């Protein structure tokens, strides 16, 4: 099923999600409004790649980006094709590409998304 990813009431992308084992994952087609959160998504994504750097500066920087990522996750919502909000435990956007448009992955919605 196709869903919209919403940030503060504005669709930033659409995604076809398939739920498996309590998680859903799909490649997001970005919409123009994605530009408003792109920097935050990329910063949050980079936290994962730097998790093995144990220096004090890296840990401090990582904590700040984890806070940003957690806040962004709380600000995202998923809507079905009818415009109804879909219950989700969390929505994570990952932007690991330098391509335009970026390839995003959304994951982490409840198993009852398709039910």
PDB file of N, CA and C in Angstrom:
ATOM      1  N   UNK A   1       0.830  -1.177   0.000  1.00  0.00           N
ATOM      2  CA  UNK A   1       0.000   0.000   0.000  1.00  0.00           C
ATOM      3  C   UNK A   1       0.880   1.248   0.000  1.00  0.00           C
ATOM      4  N   UNK A   2       0.404   2.289  -0.636  1.00  0.00           N
ATOM      5  CA  UNK A   2       1.152   3.546  -0.736  1.00  0.00           C
ATOM      6  C   UNK A   2       0.770   4.455   0.439  1.00  0.00           C
ATOM      7  N   UNK A   3       1.779   5.070   1.050  1.00  0.00           N
ATOM      8  CA  UNK A   3       1.593   5.967   2.182  1.00  0.00           C
ATOM      9  C   UNK A   3       2.307   7.286   1.921  1.00  0.00           C
ATOM     10  N   UNK A   4       1.849   8.322   2.590  1.00  0.00           N
ATOM     11  CA  UNK A   4       2.543   9.607   2.586  1.00  0.00           C
ATOM     12  C   UNK A   4       3.259   9.763   3.913  1.00  0.00           C
ATOM     13  N   UNK A   5       4.455  10.323   3.871  1.00  0.00           N
ATOM     14  CA  UNK A   5       5.197  10.651   5.086  1.00  0.00           C
ATOM     15  C   UNK A   5       4.995  12.144   5.307  1.00  0.00           C
ATOM     16  N   UNK A   6       4.469  12.472   6.484  1.00  0.00           N
ATOM     17  CA  UNK A   6       4.059  13.834   6.800  1.00  0.00           C
ATOM     18  C   UNK A   6       4.968  14.424   7.867  1.00  0.00           C
ATOM     19  N   UNK A   7       5.371  15.674   7.670  1.00  0.00           N
ATOM     20  CA  UNK A   7       6.155  16.420   8.658  1.00  0.00           C
ATOM     21  C   UNK A   7       5.433  17.743   8.906  1.00  0.00           C
ATOM     22  N   UNK A   8       4.947  17.936  10.107  1.00  0.00           N
ATOM     23  CA  UNK A   8       4.194  19.147  10.461  1.00  0.00           C
ATOM     24  C   UNK A   8       3.071  19.432   9.474  1.00  0.00           C
ATOM     25  N   UNK A   9       2.324  18.394   9.120  1.00  0.00           N
ATOM     26  CA  UNK A   9       1.161  18.557   8.267  1.00  0.00           C
ATOM     27  C   UNK A   9       1.430  18.620   6.778  1.00  0.00           C
ATOM     28  N   UNK A  10       2.694  18.511   6.373  1.00  0.00           N
ATOM     29  CA  UNK A  10       3.067  18.615   4.957  1.00  0.00           C
ATOM     30  C   UNK A  10       3.716  17.307   4.504  1.00  0.00           C
ATOM     31  N   UNK A  11       3.276  16.795   3.372  1.00  0.00           N
ATOM     32  CA  UNK A  11       3.864  15.561   2.833  1.00  0.00           C
ATOM     33  C   UNK A  11       5.276  15.844   2.314  1.00  0.00           C
ATOM     34  N   UNK A  12       6.232  15.066   2.816  1.00  0.00           N
ATOM     35  CA  UNK A  12       7.622  15.202   2.374  1.00  0.00           C
ATOM     36  C   UNK A  12       8.035  14.066   1.450  1.00  0.00           C
ATOM     37  N   UNK A  13       7.190  13.021   1.379  1.00  0.00           N
ATOM     38  CA  UNK A  13       7.494  11.897   0.510  1.00  0.00           C
ATOM     39  C   UNK A  13       6.365  10.893   0.507  1.00  0.00           C
ATOM     40  N   UNK A  14       6.461   9.956  -0.420  1.00  0.00           N
ATOM     41  CA  UNK A  14       5.519   8.841  -0.478  1.00  0.00           C
ATOM     42  C   UNK A  14       6.328   7.559  -0.493  1.00  0.00           C
ATOM     43  N   UNK A  15       5.699   6.479  -0.005  1.00  0.00           N
ATOM     44  CA  UNK A  15       6.421   5.216   0.086  1.00  0.00           C
ATOM     45  C   UNK A  15       5.443   4.058  -0.023  1.00  0.00           C
ATOM     46  N   UNK A  16       5.859   3.043  -0.734  1.00  0.00           N
ATOM     47  CA  UNK A  16       5.127   1.774  -0.806  1.00  0.00           C
ATOM     48  C   UNK A  16       5.729   0.898   0.283  1.00  0.00           C
ATOM     49  N   UNK A  17       4.917   0.516   1.273  1.00  0.00           N
ATOM     50  CA  UNK A  17       5.434  -0.258   2.396  1.00  0.00           C
ATOM     51  C   UNK A  17       4.904  -1.679   2.383  1.00  0.00           C
ATOM     52  N   UNK A  18       5.800  -2.595   2.645  1.00  0.00           N
ATOM     53  CA  UNK A  18       5.445  -3.998   2.843  1.00  0.00           C
ATOM     54  C   UNK A  18       5.845  -4.342   4.269  1.00  0.00           C
ATOM     55  N   UNK A  19       4.907  -4.852   5.035  1.00  0.00           N
ATOM     56  CA  UNK A  19       5.168  -5.166   6.440  1.00  0.00           C
ATOM     57  C   UNK A  19       5.607  -6.615   6.560  1.00  0.00           C
ATOM     58  N   UNK A  20       6.689  -6.824   7.311  1.00  0.00           N
ATOM     59  CA  UNK A  20       7.203  -8.171   7.532  1.00  0.00           C
ATOM     60  C   UNK A  20       7.811  -8.242   8.920  1.00  0.00           C
ATOM     61  N   UNK A  21       7.315  -9.163   9.725  1.00  0.00           N
ATOM     62  CA  UNK A  21       7.877  -9.360  11.060  1.00  0.00           C
ATOM     63  C   UNK A  21       7.749  -8.154  11.963  1.00  0.00           C
ATOM     64  N   UNK A  22       6.674  -7.396  11.838  1.00  0.00           N
ATOM     65  CA  UNK A  22       6.466  -6.248  12.708  1.00  0.00           C
ATOM     66  C   UNK A  22       7.146  -4.984  12.258  1.00  0.00           C
ATOM     67  N   UNK A  23       7.838  -5.036  11.121  1.00  0.00           N
ATOM     68  CA  UNK A  23       8.505  -3.842  10.611  1.00  0.00           C
ATOM     69  C   UNK A  23       8.137  -3.650   9.151  1.00  0.00           C
ATOM     70  N   UNK A  24       8.183  -2.422   8.724  1.00  0.00           N
ATOM     71  CA  UNK A  24       7.926  -2.114   7.327  1.00  0.00           C
ATOM     72  C   UNK A  24       9.115  -1.341   6.793  1.00  0.00           C
ATOM     73  N   UNK A  25       9.393  -1.531   5.522  1.00  0.00           N
ATOM     74  CA  UNK A  25      10.530  -0.858   4.922  1.00  0.00           C
ATOM     75  C   UNK A  25      10.202  -0.581   3.467  1.00  0.00           C
ATOM     76  N   UNK A  26      10.588   0.574   2.987  1.00  0.00           N
ATOM     77  CA  UNK A  26      10.349   0.904   1.600  1.00  0.00           C
ATOM     78  C   UNK A  26      11.202   2.075   1.166  1.00  0.00           C
ATOM     79  N   UNK A  27      11.356   2.236  -0.135  1.00  0.00           N
ATOM     80  CA  UNK A  27      12.112   3.351  -0.692  1.00  0.00           C
ATOM     81  C   UNK A  27      11.154   4.519  -0.884  1.00  0.00           C
ATOM     82  N   UNK A  28      11.535   5.673  -0.369  1.00  0.00           N
ATOM     83  CA  UNK A  28      10.695   6.860  -0.384  1.00  0.00           C
ATOM     84  C   UNK A  28      10.928   7.668  -1.655  1.00  0.00           C
ATOM     85  N   UNK A  29       9.830   8.085  -2.262  1.00  0.00           N
ATOM     86  CA  UNK A  29       9.886   9.057  -3.356  1.00  0.00           C
ATOM     87  C   UNK A  29       9.707  10.417  -2.714  1.00  0.00           C
ATOM     88  N   UNK A  30      10.730  11.251  -2.807  1.00  0.00           N
ATOM     89  CA  UNK A  30      10.668  12.540  -2.115  1.00  0.00           C
ATOM     90  C   UNK A  30       9.778  13.522  -2.870  1.00  0.00           C
ATOM     91  N   UNK A  31       9.180  14.400  -2.108  1.00  0.00           N
ATOM     92  CA  UNK A  31       8.393  15.506  -2.630  1.00  0.00           C
ATOM     93  C   UNK A  31       9.174  16.796  -2.360  1.00  0.00           C
ATOM     94  N   UNK A  32       8.827  17.890  -3.005  1.00  0.00           N
ATOM     95  CA  UNK A  32       9.593  19.138  -2.818  1.00  0.00           C
ATOM     96  C   UNK A  32       9.763  19.559  -1.359  1.00  0.00           C
ATOM     97  N   UNK A  33       8.793  19.294  -0.509  1.00  0.00           N
ATOM     98  CA  UNK A  33       8.881  19.698   0.902  1.00  0.00           C
ATOM     99  C   UNK A  33       9.976  18.947   1.656  1.00  0.00           C
ATOM    100  N   UNK A  34      10.511  17.869   1.087  1.00  0.00           N
ATOM    101  CA  UNK A  34      11.592  17.141   1.748  1.00  0.00           C
ATOM    102  C   UNK A  34      12.791  18.059   2.003  1.00  0.00           C
ATOM    103  N   UNK A  35      12.978  19.041   1.145  1.00  0.00           N
ATOM    104  CA  UNK A  35      14.107  19.969   1.301  1.00  0.00           C
ATOM    105  C   UNK A  35      14.143  20.604   2.688  1.00  0.00           C
ATOM    106  N   UNK A  36      12.975  20.790   3.312  1.00  0.00           N
ATOM    107  CA  UNK A  36      12.923  21.442   4.626  1.00  0.00           C
ATOM    108  C   UNK A  36      13.522  20.582   5.735  1.00  0.00           C
ATOM    109  N   UNK A  37      13.605  19.273   5.523  1.00  0.00           N
ATOM    110  CA  UNK A  37      14.150  18.390   6.569  1.00  0.00           C
ATOM    111  C   UNK A  37      15.381  17.619   6.099  1.00  0.00           C
ATOM    112  N   UNK A  38      15.795  17.811   4.873  1.00  0.00           N
ATOM    113  CA  UNK A  38      16.904  17.024   4.314  1.00  0.00           C
ATOM    114  C   UNK A  38      18.169  17.100   5.163  1.00  0.00           C
ATOM    115  N   UNK A  39      18.553  18.268   5.604  1.00  0.00           N
ATOM    116  CA  UNK A  39      19.767  18.408   6.404  1.00  0.00           C
ATOM    117  C   UNK A  39      19.660  17.614   7.696  1.00  0.00           C
ATOM    118  N   UNK A  40      18.510  17.691   8.371  1.00  0.00           N
ATOM    119  CA  UNK A  40      18.323  16.932   9.611  1.00  0.00           C
ATOM    120  C   UNK A  40      18.377  15.433   9.362  1.00  0.00           C
ATOM    121  N   UNK A  41      17.738  14.979   8.293  1.00  0.00           N
ATOM    122  CA  UNK A  41      17.737  13.545   7.980  1.00  0.00           C
ATOM    123  C   UNK A  41      19.155  13.069   7.701  1.00  0.00           C
ATOM    124  N   UNK A  42      19.911  13.835   6.935  1.00  0.00           N
ATOM    125  CA  UNK A  42      21.293  13.433   6.619  1.00  0.00           C
ATOM    126  C   UNK A  42      22.179  13.441   7.863  1.00  0.00           C
ATOM    127  N   UNK A  43      21.990  14.406   8.748  1.00  0.00           N
ATOM    128  CA  UNK A  43      22.771  14.434   9.990  1.00  0.00           C
ATOM    129  C   UNK A  43      22.429  13.225  10.851  1.00  0.00           C
ATOM    130  N   UNK A  44      21.149  12.915  10.954  1.00  0.00           N
ATOM    131  CA  UNK A  44      20.727  11.759  11.745  1.00  0.00           C
ATOM    132  C   UNK A  44      21.274  10.465  11.155  1.00  0.00           C
ATOM    133  N   UNK A  45      21.263  10.361   9.845  1.00  0.00           N
ATOM    134  CA  UNK A  45      21.782   9.167   9.171  1.00  0.00           C
ATOM    135  C   UNK A  45      23.271   8.994   9.431  1.00  0.00           C
ATOM    136  N   UNK A  46      24.009  10.092   9.459  1.00  0.00           N
ATOM    137  CA  UNK A  46      25.462  10.002   9.641  1.00  0.00           C
ATOM    138  C   UNK A  46      25.852   9.535  11.030  1.00  0.00           C
ATOM    139  N   UNK A  47      24.968   9.697  12.011  1.00  0.00           N
ATOM    140  CA  UNK A  47      25.258   9.235  13.375  1.00  0.00           C
ATOM    141  C   UNK A  47      25.606   7.757  13.370  1.00  0.00           C
ATOM    142  N   UNK A  48      24.860   6.978  12.616  1.00  0.00           N
ATOM    143  CA  UNK A  48      25.065   5.528  12.585  1.00  0.00           C
ATOM    144  C   UNK A  48      26.458   5.184  12.075  1.00  0.00           C
ATOM    145  N   UNK A  49      26.912   5.874  11.053  1.00  0.00           N
ATOM    146  CA  UNK A  49      28.219   5.549  10.474  1.00  0.00           C
ATOM    147  C   UNK A  49      29.378   5.925  11.396  1.00  0.00           C
ATOM    148  N   UNK A  50      29.146   6.800  12.356  1.00  0.00           N
ATOM    149  CA  UNK A  50      30.219   7.249  13.244  1.00  0.00           C
ATOM    150  C   UNK A  50      30.147   6.641  14.635  1.00  0.00           C
ATOM    151  N   UNK A  51      29.295   5.656  14.816  1.00  0.00           N
ATOM    152  CA  UNK A  51      29.070   5.109  16.154  1.00  0.00           C
ATOM    153  C   UNK A  51      30.310   4.444  16.753  1.00  0.00           C
ATOM    154  N   UNK A  52      31.252   4.034  15.953  1.00  0.00           N
ATOM    155  CA  UNK A  52      32.452   3.370  16.479  1.00  0.00           C
ATOM    156  C   UNK A  52      33.550   4.339  16.915  1.00  0.00           C
ATOM    157  N   UNK A  53      33.374   5.632  16.636  1.00  0.00           N
ATOM    158  CA  UNK A  53      34.346   6.637  17.055  1.00  0.00           C
ATOM    159  C   UNK A  53      34.062   6.966  18.522  1.00  0.00           C
ATOM    160  N   UNK A  54      34.979   6.586  19.416  1.00  0.00           N
ATOM    161  CA  UNK A  54      34.740   6.732  20.855  1.00  0.00           C
ATOM    162  C   UNK A  54      35.417   7.960  21.463  1.00  0.00           C
ATOM    163  N   UNK A  55      35.912   8.866  20.641  1.00  0.00           N
ATOM    164  CA  UNK A  55      36.544  10.062  21.182  1.00  0.00           C
ATOM    165  C   UNK A  55      35.491  10.921  21.895  1.00  0.00           C
ATOM    166  N   UNK A  56      35.947  11.743  22.847  1.00  0.00           N
ATOM    167  CA  UNK A  56      35.029  12.576  23.621  1.00  0.00           C
ATOM    168  C   UNK A  56      34.261  13.539  22.718  1.00  0.00           C
ATOM    169  N   UNK A  57      34.923  14.153  21.756  1.00  0.00           N
ATOM    170  CA  UNK A  57      34.275  15.079  20.834  1.00  0.00           C
ATOM    171  C   UNK A  57      33.217  14.366  19.995  1.00  0.00           C
ATOM    172  N   UNK A  58      33.538  13.178  19.513  1.00  0.00           N
ATOM    173  CA  UNK A  58      32.591  12.410  18.697  1.00  0.00           C
ATOM    174  C   UNK A  58      31.364  12.019  19.517  1.00  0.00           C
ATOM    175  N   UNK A  59      31.578  11.603  20.765  1.00  0.00           N
ATOM    176  CA  UNK A  59      30.449  11.221  21.624  1.00  0.00           C
ATOM    177  C   UNK A  59      29.535  12.408  21.883  1.00  0.00           C
ATOM    178  N   UNK A  60      30.106  13.571  22.150  1.00  0.00           N
ATOM    179  CA  UNK A  60      29.318  14.769  22.413  1.00  0.00           C
ATOM    180  C   UNK A  60      28.515  15.162  21.171  1.00  0.00           C
ATOM    181  N   UNK A  61      29.159  15.159  20.027  1.00  0.00           N
ATOM    182  CA  UNK A  61      28.496  15.498  18.766  1.00  0.00           C
ATOM    183  C   UNK A  61      27.391  14.495  18.453  1.00  0.00           C
ATOM    184  N   UNK A  62      27.680  13.219  18.703  1.00  0.00           N
ATOM    185  CA  UNK A  62      26.716  12.157  18.425  1.00  0.00           C
ATOM    186  C   UNK A  62      25.475  12.298  19.303  1.00  0.00           C
ATOM    187  N   UNK A  63      25.665  12.630  20.578  1.00  0.00           N
ATOM    188  CA  UNK A  63      24.518  12.826  21.481  1.00  0.00           C
ATOM    189  C   UNK A  63      23.587  13.913  20.946  1.00  0.00           C
ATOM    190  N   UNK A  64      24.153  15.010  20.484  1.00  0.00           N
ATOM    191  CA  UNK A  64      23.340  16.103  19.951  1.00  0.00           C
ATOM    192  C   UNK A  64      22.572  15.654  18.714  1.00  0.00           C
ATOM    193  N   UNK A  65      23.228  14.924  17.832  1.00  0.00           N
ATOM    194  CA  UNK A  65      22.551  14.453  16.624  1.00  0.00           C
ATOM    195  C   UNK A  65      21.515  13.383  16.942  1.00  0.00           C
ATOM    196  N   UNK A  66      21.746  12.566  17.959  1.00  0.00           N
ATOM    197  CA  UNK A  66      20.731  11.596  18.381  1.00  0.00           C
ATOM    198  C   UNK A  66      19.484  12.332  18.882  1.00  0.00           C
ATOM    199  N   UNK A  67      19.693  13.414  19.638  1.00  0.00           N
ATOM    200  CA  UNK A  67      18.552  14.211  20.096  1.00  0.00           C
ATOM    201  C   UNK A  67      17.781  14.782  18.905  1.00  0.00           C
ATOM    202  N   UNK A  68      18.497  15.330  17.930  1.00  0.00           N
ATOM    203  CA  UNK A  68      17.845  15.858  16.722  1.00  0.00           C
ATOM    204  C   UNK A  68      17.074  14.763  16.000  1.00  0.00           C
ATOM    205  N   UNK A  69      17.704  13.593  15.864  1.00  0.00           N
ATOM    206  CA  UNK A  69      17.070  12.482  15.153  1.00  0.00           C
ATOM    207  C   UNK A  69      15.815  12.024  15.878  1.00  0.00           C
ATOM    208  N   UNK A  70      15.885  11.936  17.205  1.00  0.00           N
ATOM    209  CA  UNK A  70      14.714  11.517  17.978  1.00  0.00           C
ATOM    210  C   UNK A  70      13.584  12.530  17.837  1.00  0.00           C
ATOM    211  N   UNK A  71      13.909  13.797  17.865  1.00  0.00           N
ATOM    212  CA  UNK A  71      12.882  14.831  17.702  1.00  0.00           C
ATOM    213  C   UNK A  71      12.262  14.744  16.310  1.00  0.00           C
ATOM    214  N   UNK A  72      13.074  14.581  15.276  1.00  0.00           N
ATOM    215  CA  UNK A  72      12.546  14.463  13.921  1.00  0.00           C
ATOM    216  C   UNK A  72      11.628  13.251  13.804  1.00  0.00           C
ATOM    217  N   UNK A  73      12.016  12.135  14.395  1.00  0.00           N
ATOM    218  CA  UNK A  73      11.196  10.921  14.355  1.00  0.00           C
ATOM    219  C   UNK A  73       9.822  11.164  14.973  1.00  0.00           C
ATOM    220  N   UNK A  74       9.777  11.925  16.058  1.00  0.00           N
ATOM    221  CA  UNK A  74       8.492  12.235  16.703  1.00  0.00           C
ATOM    222  C   UNK A  74       7.640  13.174  15.856  1.00  0.00           C
ATOM    223  N   UNK A  75       8.264  13.937  14.979  1.00  0.00           N
ATOM    224  CA  UNK A  75       7.544  14.906  14.156  1.00  0.00           C
ATOM    225  C   UNK A  75       7.009  14.304  12.859  1.00  0.00           C
ATOM    226  N   UNK A  76       7.354  13.072  12.559  1.00  0.00           N
ATOM    227  CA  UNK A  76       6.908  12.431  11.323  1.00  0.00           C
ATOM    228  C   UNK A  76       5.650  11.610  11.568  1.00  0.00           C
ATOM    229  N   UNK A  77       4.788  11.576  10.574  1.00  0.00           N
ATOM    230  CA  UNK A  77       3.572  10.767  10.638  1.00  0.00           C
ATOM    231  C   UNK A  77       3.412  10.050   9.306  1.00  0.00           C
ATOM    232  N   UNK A  78       2.629   9.006   9.335  1.00  0.00           N
ATOM    233  CA  UNK A  78       2.362   8.212   8.145  1.00  0.00           C
ATOM    234  C   UNK A  78       0.867   8.273   7.867  1.00  0.00           C
ATOM    235  N   UNK A  79       0.487   8.577   6.634  1.00  0.00           N
ATOM    236  CA  UNK A  79      -0.927   8.629   6.265  1.00  0.00           C
ATOM    237  C   UNK A  79      -1.181   7.668   5.111  1.00  0.00           C
ATOM    238  N   UNK A  80      -2.353   7.013   5.168  1.00  0.00           N
ATOM    239  CA  UNK A  80      -2.705   6.105   4.086  1.00  0.00           C
ATOM    240  C   UNK A  80      -3.283   6.902   2.912  1.00  0.00           C
ATOM    241  N   UNK A  81      -3.694   6.182   1.869  1.00  0.00           N
ATOM    242  CA  UNK A  81      -4.182   6.833   0.663  1.00  0.00           C
ATOM    243  C   UNK A  81      -5.457   7.631   0.896  1.00  0.00           C
ATOM    244  N   UNK A  82      -6.186   7.312   1.963  1.00  0.00           N
ATOM    245  CA  UNK A  82      -7.412   8.044   2.304  1.00  0.00           C
ATOM    246  C   UNK A  82      -7.124   9.289   3.137  1.00  0.00           C
ATOM    247  N   UNK A  83      -5.854   9.477   3.529  1.00  0.00           N
ATOM    248  CA  UNK A  83      -5.480  10.626   4.342  1.00  0.00           C
ATOM    249  C   UNK A  83      -5.578  10.399   5.830  1.00  0.00           C
ATOM    250  N   UNK A  84      -5.843   9.149   6.235  1.00  0.00           N
ATOM    251  CA  UNK A  84      -5.925   8.825   7.661  1.00  0.00           C
ATOM    252  C   UNK A  84      -4.534   8.532   8.221  1.00  0.00           C
ATOM    253  N   UNK A  85      -4.276   9.019   9.409  1.00  0.00           N
ATOM    254  CA  UNK A  85      -3.006   8.752  10.069  1.00  0.00           C
ATOM    255  C   UNK A  85      -2.947   7.285  10.462  1.00  0.00           C
ATOM    256  N   UNK A  86      -1.836   6.660  10.171  1.00  0.00           N
ATOM    257  CA  UNK A  86      -1.628   5.245  10.461  1.00  0.00           C
ATOM    258  C   UNK A  86      -0.825   5.134  11.755  1.00  0.00           C
ATOM    259  N   UNK A  87      -1.296   4.328  12.726  1.00  0.00           N
ATOM    260  CA  UNK A  87      -0.529   4.157  13.962  1.00  0.00           C
ATOM    261  C   UNK A  87       0.858   3.603  13.656  1.00  0.00           C
ATOM    262  N   UNK A  88       1.863   4.240  14.225  1.00  0.00           N
ATOM    263  CA  UNK A  88       3.225   3.747  14.023  1.00  0.00           C
ATOM    264  C   UNK A  88       4.026   3.958  15.291  1.00  0.00           C
ATOM    265  N   UNK A  89       4.892   3.019  15.577  1.00  0.00           N
ATOM    266  CA  UNK A  89       5.770   3.146  16.736  1.00  0.00           C
ATOM    267  C   UNK A  89       6.820   4.212  16.473  1.00  0.00           C
ATOM    268  N   UNK A  90       7.342   4.241  15.284  1.00  0.00           N
ATOM    269  CA  UNK A  90       8.320   5.243  14.892  1.00  0.00           C
ATOM    270  C   UNK A  90       8.460   5.222  13.374  1.00  0.00           C
ATOM    271  N   UNK A  91       8.953   6.305  12.846  1.00  0.00           N
ATOM    272  CA  UNK A  91       9.255   6.394  11.420  1.00  0.00           C
ATOM    273  C   UNK A  91      10.671   6.942  11.317  1.00  0.00           C
ATOM    274  N   UNK A  92      11.524   6.210  10.676  1.00  0.00           N
ATOM    275  CA  UNK A  92      12.908   6.623  10.513  1.00  0.00           C
ATOM    276  C   UNK A  92      13.162   6.843   9.032  1.00  0.00           C
ATOM    277  N   UNK A  93      13.698   7.998   8.702  1.00  0.00           N
ATOM    278  CA  UNK A  93      14.129   8.254   7.336  1.00  0.00           C
ATOM    279  C   UNK A  93      15.647   8.185   7.306  1.00  0.00           C
ATOM    280  N   UNK A  94      16.176   7.474   6.329  1.00  0.00           N
ATOM    281  CA  UNK A  94      17.625   7.389   6.138  1.00  0.00           C
ATOM    282  C   UNK A  94      17.940   7.953   4.775  1.00  0.00           C
ATOM    283  N   UNK A  95      18.867   8.872   4.712  1.00  0.00           N
ATOM    284  CA  UNK A  95      19.297   9.479   3.455  1.00  0.00           C
ATOM    285  C   UNK A  95      20.807   9.302   3.371  1.00  0.00           C
ATOM    286  N   UNK A  96      21.212   8.306   2.613  1.00  0.00           N
ATOM    287  CA  UNK A  96      22.641   7.994   2.530  1.00  0.00           C
ATOM    288  C   UNK A  96      23.226   8.317   1.161  1.00  0.00           C
ATOM    289  N   UNK A  97      22.444   8.957   0.308  1.00  0.00           N
ATOM    290  CA  UNK A  97      22.941   9.185  -1.047  1.00  0.00           C
ATOM    291  C   UNK A  97      23.208  10.655  -1.290  1.00  0.00           C
ATOM    292  N   UNK A  98      24.099  10.897  -2.232  1.00  0.00           N
ATOM    293  CA  UNK A  98      24.347  12.255  -2.687  1.00  0.00           C
ATOM    294  C   UNK A  98      23.623  12.496  -3.999  1.00  0.00           C
ATOM    295  N   UNK A  99      22.793  11.536  -4.366  1.00  0.00           N
ATOM    296  CA  UNK A  99      22.054  11.644  -5.612  1.00  0.00           C
ATOM    297  C   UNK A  99      20.858  12.558  -5.440  1.00  0.00           C
ATOM    298  N   UNK A 100      20.423  13.137  -6.524  1.00  0.00           N
ATOM    299  CA  UNK A 100      19.200  13.929  -6.536  1.00  0.00           C
ATOM    300  C   UNK A 100      18.263  13.305  -7.536  1.00  0.00           C
ATOM    301  N   UNK A 101      17.053  12.916  -7.185  1.00  0.00           N
ATOM    302  CA  UNK A 101      16.545  12.978  -5.822  1.00  0.00           C
ATOM    303  C   UNK A 101      17.190  11.902  -4.964  1.00  0.00           C
ATOM    304  N   UNK A 102      17.281  12.139  -3.664  1.00  0.00           N
ATOM    305  CA  UNK A 102      17.913  11.158  -2.780  1.00  0.00           C
ATOM    306  C   UNK A 102      17.065   9.902  -2.671  1.00  0.00           C
ATOM    307  N   UNK A 103      17.726   8.800  -2.416  1.00  0.00           N
ATOM    308  CA  UNK A 103      17.025   7.552  -2.139  1.00  0.00           C
ATOM    309  C   UNK A 103      16.872   7.463  -0.638  1.00  0.00           C
ATOM    310  N   UNK A 104      15.635   7.482  -0.176  1.00  0.00           N
ATOM    311  CA  UNK A 104      15.366   7.409   1.249  1.00  0.00           C
ATOM    312  C   UNK A 104      14.756   6.066   1.579  1.00  0.00           C
ATOM    313  N   UNK A 105      14.981   5.627   2.788  1.00  0.00           N
ATOM    314  CA  UNK A 105      14.341   4.423   3.289  1.00  0.00           C
ATOM    315  C   UNK A 105      13.515   4.812   4.495  1.00  0.00           C
ATOM    316  N   UNK A 106      12.279   4.343   4.545  1.00  0.00           N
ATOM    317  CA  UNK A 106      11.433   4.533   5.731  1.00  0.00           C
ATOM    318  C   UNK A 106      11.234   3.177   6.356  1.00  0.00           C
ATOM    319  N   UNK A 107      11.282   3.116   7.662  1.00  0.00           N
ATOM    320  CA  UNK A 107      11.100   1.828   8.315  1.00  0.00           C
ATOM    321  C   UNK A 107      10.558   2.017   9.719  1.00  0.00           C
ATOM    322  N   UNK A 108      10.045   0.923  10.280  1.00  0.00           N
ATOM    323  CA  UNK A 108       9.701   0.905  11.688  1.00  0.00           C
ATOM    324  C   UNK A 108       8.252   1.144  12.027  1.00  0.00           C
ATOM    325  N   UNK A 109       7.346   0.913  11.113  1.00  0.00           N
ATOM    326  CA  UNK A 109       5.941   1.076  11.455  1.00  0.00           C
ATOM    327  C   UNK A 109       5.377  -0.214  12.007  1.00  0.00           C
ATOM    328  N   UNK A 110       4.238  -0.127  12.695  1.00  0.00           N
ATOM    329  CA  UNK A 110       3.649  -1.302  13.333  1.00  0.00           C
ATOM    330  C   UNK A 110       3.216  -2.350  12.321  1.00  0.00           C
ATOM    331  N   UNK A 111       3.104  -3.560  12.812  1.00  0.00           N
ATOM    332  CA  UNK A 111       2.694  -4.687  11.988  1.00  0.00           C
ATOM    333  C   UNK A 111       1.273  -4.549  11.470  1.00  0.00           C
ATOM    334  N   UNK A 112       0.431  -3.724  12.119  1.00  0.00           N
ATOM    335  CA  UNK A 112      -0.961  -3.609  11.687  1.00  0.00           C
ATOM    336  C   UNK A 112      -1.168  -2.569  10.593  1.00  0.00           C
ATOM    337  N   UNK A 113      -0.101  -2.072  10.009  1.00  0.00           N
ATOM    338  CA  UNK A 113      -0.212  -1.085   8.937  1.00  0.00           C
ATOM    339  C   UNK A 113      -1.058  -1.609   7.793  1.00  0.00           C
ATOM    340  N   UNK A 114      -0.827  -2.837   7.385  1.00  0.00           N
ATOM    341  CA  UNK A 114      -1.566  -3.400   6.258  1.00  0.00           C
ATOM    342  C   UNK A 114      -2.858  -4.087   6.697  1.00  0.00           C
ATOM    343  N   UNK A 115      -3.144  -4.087   7.975  1.00  0.00           N
ATOM    344  CA  UNK A 115      -4.293  -4.826   8.459  1.00  0.00           C
ATOM    345  C   UNK A 115      -5.427  -3.946   8.759  1.00  0.00           C
TER     346      UNK A 115
END
